[in-house]
Amino acid sequence: MPKITSILFAFALTLMLAATDAGAHSYQAGALTIGHPWAPPAPAGMPTAVGYLSVTNTGKALDRLVGATSPMVRRIEIRQSTTNEDVASAPEILGGLTIAPGQTVTLAPGAYQLTLIGPRQAFSPGDHIPATLRFAHAGKVDVFFLVQAPSPTAAQPMPAMPGT
């Protein structure tokens, strides 16, 4: 009977880890909580890919997402998707993205995004893209973007103030 218990335990642990991997994951940087970094799949040869996440500021002072790097891409830019007279664009936010105290800023499709420029390989569902986010006050935090298809029930983006 102990062998069956061990097998069931191993199976339950595997299911739990798989559920955790597919679900939300978060990171902490000072008073900031970085929630569920993810990226949609991107085939090989694409000039750019995108990354999304949320940042909650539980502190009493403003902070700013001022940059990011990853060994999987040439560079990362913080951008805001906009549409003007049916023309979509995503200009870079110079100076970073401000997160006010008590605010959650969501980088999501159609809103703010991290543009991953020059991917070094295809990003397939289940892959993890390592990156380092850099905040003005909270400093650096290492994260992994989970590559997954966009959720049809994705959270609506929250407002943020471009940095100055």
C-alpha atoms as a PDB file:
ATOM      1  CA  MET A   1       0.000   0.000   0.000  1.00  0.00           C
ATOM      2  CA  PRO A   2       2.831   2.548   0.627  1.00  0.00           C
ATOM      3  CA  LYS A   3       3.853   2.330  -3.055  1.00  0.00           C
ATOM      4  CA  ILE A   4       0.346   3.326  -4.199  1.00  0.00           C
ATOM      5  CA  THR A   5       0.378   6.243  -1.749  1.00  0.00           C
ATOM      6  CA  SER A   6       3.732   7.402  -3.135  1.00  0.00           C
ATOM      7  CA  ILE A   7       2.436   7.180  -6.697  1.00  0.00           C
ATOM      8  CA  LEU A   8      -0.725   9.115  -5.804  1.00  0.00           C
ATOM      9  CA  PHE A   9       1.334  11.748  -3.983  1.00  0.00           C
ATOM     10  CA  ALA A  10       3.651  12.135  -6.983  1.00  0.00           C
ATOM     11  CA  PHE A  11       0.658  12.414  -9.321  1.00  0.00           C
ATOM     12  CA  ALA A  12      -1.034  15.022  -7.088  1.00  0.00           C
ATOM     13  CA  LEU A  13       2.208  17.005  -6.856  1.00  0.00           C
ATOM     14  CA  THR A  14       2.587  16.926 -10.652  1.00  0.00           C
ATOM     15  CA  LEU A  15      -0.976  18.198 -11.122  1.00  0.00           C
ATOM     16  CA  MET A  16      -0.442  20.926  -8.554  1.00  0.00           C
ATOM     17  CA  LEU A  17       2.776  22.113 -10.236  1.00  0.00           C
ATOM     18  CA  ALA A  18       1.127  22.042 -13.659  1.00  0.00           C
ATOM     19  CA  ALA A  19      -1.792  24.112 -12.367  1.00  0.00           C
ATOM     20  CA  THR A  20       0.594  26.591 -10.756  1.00  0.00           C
ATOM     21  CA  ASP A  21       2.592  26.881 -13.968  1.00  0.00           C
ATOM     22  CA  ALA A  22      -0.517  27.548 -16.046  1.00  0.00           C
ATOM     23  CA  GLY A  23      -2.072  29.915 -13.532  1.00  0.00           C
ATOM     24  CA  ALA A  24      -1.066  33.222 -12.079  1.00  0.00           C
ATOM     25  CA  HIS A  25       2.401  33.782 -10.673  1.00  0.00           C
ATOM     26  CA  SER A  26       3.690  36.870  -8.913  1.00  0.00           C
ATOM     27  CA  TYR A  27       6.894  38.539  -7.783  1.00  0.00           C
ATOM     28  CA  GLN A  28       7.722  41.144  -5.137  1.00  0.00           C
ATOM     29  CA  ALA A  29       9.961  44.225  -5.437  1.00  0.00           C
ATOM     30  CA  GLY A  30       9.749  46.427  -2.356  1.00  0.00           C
ATOM     31  CA  ALA A  31       6.160  47.697  -2.097  1.00  0.00           C
ATOM     32  CA  LEU A  32       5.384  46.464  -5.625  1.00  0.00           C
ATOM     33  CA  THR A  33       3.730  43.178  -6.550  1.00  0.00           C
ATOM     34  CA  ILE A  34       4.255  42.079 -10.142  1.00  0.00           C
ATOM     35  CA  GLY A  35       1.414  39.821 -11.186  1.00  0.00           C
ATOM     36  CA  HIS A  36       1.357  37.127 -13.846  1.00  0.00           C
ATOM     37  CA  PRO A  37       3.926  38.171 -16.459  1.00  0.00           C
ATOM     38  CA  TRP A  38       2.894  36.519 -19.732  1.00  0.00           C
ATOM     39  CA  ALA A  39       3.517  36.759 -23.448  1.00  0.00           C
ATOM     40  CA  PRO A  40       1.522  35.444 -26.390  1.00  0.00           C
ATOM     41  CA  PRO A  41       3.245  32.932 -28.673  1.00  0.00           C
ATOM     42  CA  ALA A  42       5.495  34.404 -31.363  1.00  0.00           C
ATOM     43  CA  PRO A  43       6.822  32.419 -34.332  1.00  0.00           C
ATOM     44  CA  ALA A  44      10.504  32.435 -35.270  1.00  0.00           C
ATOM     45  CA  GLY A  45      11.576  35.388 -37.374  1.00  0.00           C
ATOM     46  CA  MET A  46       9.144  37.913 -35.883  1.00  0.00           C
ATOM     47  CA  PRO A  47      10.777  41.330 -35.415  1.00  0.00           C
ATOM     48  CA  THR A  48       8.931  41.888 -32.117  1.00  0.00           C
ATOM     49  CA  ALA A  49       6.872  40.127 -29.479  1.00  0.00           C
ATOM     50  CA  VAL A  50       4.997  41.555 -26.517  1.00  0.00           C
ATOM     51  CA  GLY A  51       4.840  40.974 -22.791  1.00  0.00           C
ATOM     52  CA  TYR A  52       2.129  41.788 -20.290  1.00  0.00           C
ATOM     53  CA  LEU A  53       1.790  41.886 -16.492  1.00  0.00           C
ATOM     54  CA  SER A  54       0.263  43.882 -13.679  1.00  0.00           C
ATOM     55  CA  VAL A  55       2.021  45.993 -11.056  1.00  0.00           C
ATOM     56  CA  THR A  56       0.351  46.834  -7.734  1.00  0.00           C
ATOM     57  CA  ASN A  57       1.871  49.528  -5.535  1.00  0.00           C
ATOM     58  CA  THR A  58       1.031  48.852  -1.866  1.00  0.00           C
ATOM     59  CA  GLY A  59       3.437  51.534  -0.673  1.00  0.00           C
ATOM     60  CA  LYS A  60       2.982  55.218   0.101  1.00  0.00           C
ATOM     61  CA  ALA A  61       5.217  56.617  -2.646  1.00  0.00           C
ATOM     62  CA  LEU A  62       5.074  56.710  -6.440  1.00  0.00           C
ATOM     63  CA  ASP A  63       7.286  54.286  -8.299  1.00  0.00           C
ATOM     64  CA  ARG A  64       7.999  53.868 -11.999  1.00  0.00           C
ATOM     65  CA  LEU A  65       8.717  50.951 -14.279  1.00  0.00           C
ATOM     66  CA  VAL A  66      11.698  52.478 -16.089  1.00  0.00           C
ATOM     67  CA  GLY A  67      13.027  49.556 -18.112  1.00  0.00           C
ATOM     68  CA  ALA A  68      13.482  45.855 -18.661  1.00  0.00           C
ATOM     69  CA  THR A  69      16.024  43.492 -20.181  1.00  0.00           C
ATOM     70  CA  SER A  70      16.068  39.859 -21.234  1.00  0.00           C
ATOM     71  CA  PRO A  71      18.731  37.592 -22.698  1.00  0.00           C
ATOM     72  CA  MET A  72      16.020  36.284 -25.067  1.00  0.00           C
ATOM     73  CA  VAL A  73      15.631  39.597 -26.971  1.00  0.00           C
ATOM     74  CA  ARG A  74      17.819  42.480 -28.166  1.00  0.00           C
ATOM     75  CA  ARG A  75      15.954  45.049 -26.069  1.00  0.00           C
ATOM     76  CA  ILE A  76      12.644  45.798 -24.349  1.00  0.00           C
ATOM     77  CA  GLU A  77      10.642  49.022 -24.605  1.00  0.00           C
ATOM     78  CA  ILE A  78       7.652  50.179 -22.556  1.00  0.00           C
ATOM     79  CA  ARG A  79       4.895  51.225 -24.966  1.00  0.00           C
ATOM     80  CA  GLN A  80       1.263  52.281 -25.037  1.00  0.00           C
ATOM     81  CA  SER A  81      -1.092  50.993 -27.725  1.00  0.00           C
ATOM     82  CA  THR A  82      -3.220  53.757 -29.191  1.00  0.00           C
ATOM     83  CA  THR A  83      -5.656  54.114 -32.060  1.00  0.00           C
ATOM     84  CA  ASN A  84      -6.094  57.446 -33.825  1.00  0.00           C
ATOM     85  CA  GLU A  85      -8.505  57.674 -36.762  1.00  0.00           C
ATOM     86  CA  ASP A  86      -8.425  53.871 -37.159  1.00  0.00           C
ATOM     87  CA  VAL A  87      -4.617  53.817 -37.239  1.00  0.00           C
ATOM     88  CA  ALA A  88      -3.060  51.740 -34.468  1.00  0.00           C
ATOM     89  CA  SER A  89       0.351  52.571 -33.058  1.00  0.00           C
ATOM     90  CA  ALA A  90       2.391  51.802 -29.969  1.00  0.00           C
ATOM     91  CA  PRO A  91       4.703  54.705 -29.146  1.00  0.00           C
ATOM     92  CA  GLU A  92       7.405  54.219 -26.545  1.00  0.00           C
ATOM     93  CA  ILE A  93       6.765  55.746 -23.125  1.00  0.00           C
ATOM     94  CA  LEU A  94       9.882  57.743 -22.376  1.00  0.00           C
ATOM     95  CA  GLY A  95      10.660  58.151 -18.694  1.00  0.00           C
ATOM     96  CA  GLY A  96       8.825  55.014 -17.635  1.00  0.00           C
ATOM     97  CA  LEU A  97       5.355  54.059 -16.472  1.00  0.00           C
ATOM     98  CA  THR A  98       4.255  55.516 -13.129  1.00  0.00           C
ATOM     99  CA  ILE A  99       2.496  53.373 -10.536  1.00  0.00           C
ATOM    100  CA  ALA A 100       0.795  55.523  -7.893  1.00  0.00           C
ATOM    101  CA  PRO A 101       0.370  54.358  -4.289  1.00  0.00           C
ATOM    102  CA  GLY A 102      -2.628  52.044  -3.961  1.00  0.00           C
ATOM    103  CA  GLN A 103      -2.875  51.649  -7.738  1.00  0.00           C
ATOM    104  CA  THR A 104      -2.634  48.601  -9.974  1.00  0.00           C
ATOM    105  CA  VAL A 105      -1.380  49.217 -13.499  1.00  0.00           C
ATOM    106  CA  THR A 106      -2.163  46.449 -15.968  1.00  0.00           C
ATOM    107  CA  LEU A 107      -0.120  45.968 -19.104  1.00  0.00           C
ATOM    108  CA  ALA A 108      -2.582  44.171 -21.380  1.00  0.00           C
ATOM    109  CA  PRO A 109      -3.504  43.857 -25.062  1.00  0.00           C
ATOM    110  CA  GLY A 110      -4.758  47.200 -26.358  1.00  0.00           C
ATOM    111  CA  ALA A 111      -3.175  49.167 -23.501  1.00  0.00           C
ATOM    112  CA  TYR A 112       0.341  49.308 -22.093  1.00  0.00           C
ATOM    113  CA  GLN A 113       2.823  46.623 -23.137  1.00  0.00           C
ATOM    114  CA  LEU A 114       6.445  45.621 -23.010  1.00  0.00           C
ATOM    115  CA  THR A 115       7.638  45.347 -26.593  1.00  0.00           C
ATOM    116  CA  LEU A 116      10.247  42.597 -26.896  1.00  0.00           C
ATOM    117  CA  ILE A 117      12.413  43.691 -29.814  1.00  0.00           C
ATOM    118  CA  GLY A 118      14.474  41.161 -31.735  1.00  0.00           C
ATOM    119  CA  PRO A 119      13.442  37.820 -30.217  1.00  0.00           C
ATOM    120  CA  ARG A 120      16.324  35.329 -30.501  1.00  0.00           C
ATOM    121  CA  GLN A 121      13.944  32.375 -30.999  1.00  0.00           C
ATOM    122  CA  ALA A 122      10.282  31.448 -31.335  1.00  0.00           C
ATOM    123  CA  PHE A 123       8.161  31.707 -28.181  1.00  0.00           C
ATOM    124  CA  SER A 124       5.876  28.683 -27.886  1.00  0.00           C
ATOM    125  CA  PRO A 125       3.091  27.987 -25.371  1.00  0.00           C
ATOM    126  CA  GLY A 126       4.592  26.792 -22.099  1.00  0.00           C
ATOM    127  CA  ASP A 127       7.949  28.536 -22.639  1.00  0.00           C
ATOM    128  CA  HIS A 128       9.312  30.854 -19.958  1.00  0.00           C
ATOM    129  CA  ILE A 129      11.055  34.092 -20.978  1.00  0.00           C
ATOM    130  CA  PRO A 130      13.464  35.362 -18.297  1.00  0.00           C
ATOM    131  CA  ALA A 131      13.550  39.118 -17.820  1.00  0.00           C
ATOM    132  CA  THR A 132      14.685  41.731 -15.334  1.00  0.00           C
ATOM    133  CA  LEU A 133      12.293  44.598 -14.636  1.00  0.00           C
ATOM    134  CA  ARG A 134      13.810  47.847 -13.387  1.00  0.00           C
ATOM    135  CA  PHE A 135      11.857  50.223 -11.130  1.00  0.00           C
ATOM    136  CA  ALA A 136      12.943  53.730 -10.107  1.00  0.00           C
ATOM    137  CA  HIS A 137      12.611  53.050  -6.364  1.00  0.00           C
ATOM    138  CA  ALA A 138      12.007  49.326  -5.860  1.00  0.00           C
ATOM    139  CA  GLY A 139      15.053  48.431  -7.978  1.00  0.00           C
ATOM    140  CA  LYS A 140      15.463  45.330 -10.101  1.00  0.00           C
ATOM    141  CA  VAL A 141      13.353  42.177  -9.979  1.00  0.00           C
ATOM    142  CA  ASP A 142      13.847  39.012 -12.028  1.00  0.00           C
ATOM    143  CA  VAL A 143      10.674  37.539 -13.520  1.00  0.00           C
ATOM    144  CA  PHE A 144       9.638  34.891 -16.017  1.00  0.00           C
ATOM    145  CA  PHE A 145       7.027  35.607 -18.687  1.00  0.00           C
ATOM    146  CA  LEU A 146       4.882  32.515 -19.264  1.00  0.00           C
ATOM    147  CA  VAL A 147       4.126  32.103 -22.972  1.00  0.00           C
ATOM    148  CA  GLN A 148       0.409  31.418 -23.345  1.00  0.00           C
ATOM    149  CA  ALA A 149      -2.505  32.220 -25.612  1.00  0.00           C
ATOM    150  CA  PRO A 150      -4.419  35.371 -24.637  1.00  0.00           C
ATOM    151  CA  SER A 151      -7.346  34.744 -22.321  1.00  0.00           C
ATOM    152  CA  PRO A 152     -10.765  35.733 -23.660  1.00  0.00           C
ATOM    153  CA  THR A 153     -11.566  37.011 -20.151  1.00  0.00           C
ATOM    154  CA  ALA A 154      -8.386  39.065 -19.713  1.00  0.00           C
ATOM    155  CA  ALA A 155      -8.635  41.800 -17.115  1.00  0.00           C
ATOM    156  CA  GLN A 156      -9.401  45.263 -18.405  1.00  0.00           C
ATOM    157  CA  PRO A 157      -6.386  47.583 -18.333  1.00  0.00           C
ATOM    158  CA  MET A 158      -6.203  50.033 -15.466  1.00  0.00           C
ATOM    159  CA  PRO A 159      -5.117  53.632 -16.012  1.00  0.00           C
ATOM    160  CA  ALA A 160      -1.589  54.749 -15.379  1.00  0.00           C
ATOM    161  CA  MET A 161       0.349  57.944 -15.718  1.00  0.00           C
ATOM    162  CA  PRO A 162       3.282  58.030 -18.153  1.00  0.00           C
ATOM    163  CA  GLY A 163       6.454  59.007 -16.296  1.00  0.00           C
ATOM    164  CA  THR A 164       7.995  62.413 -16.493  1.00  0.00           C
END
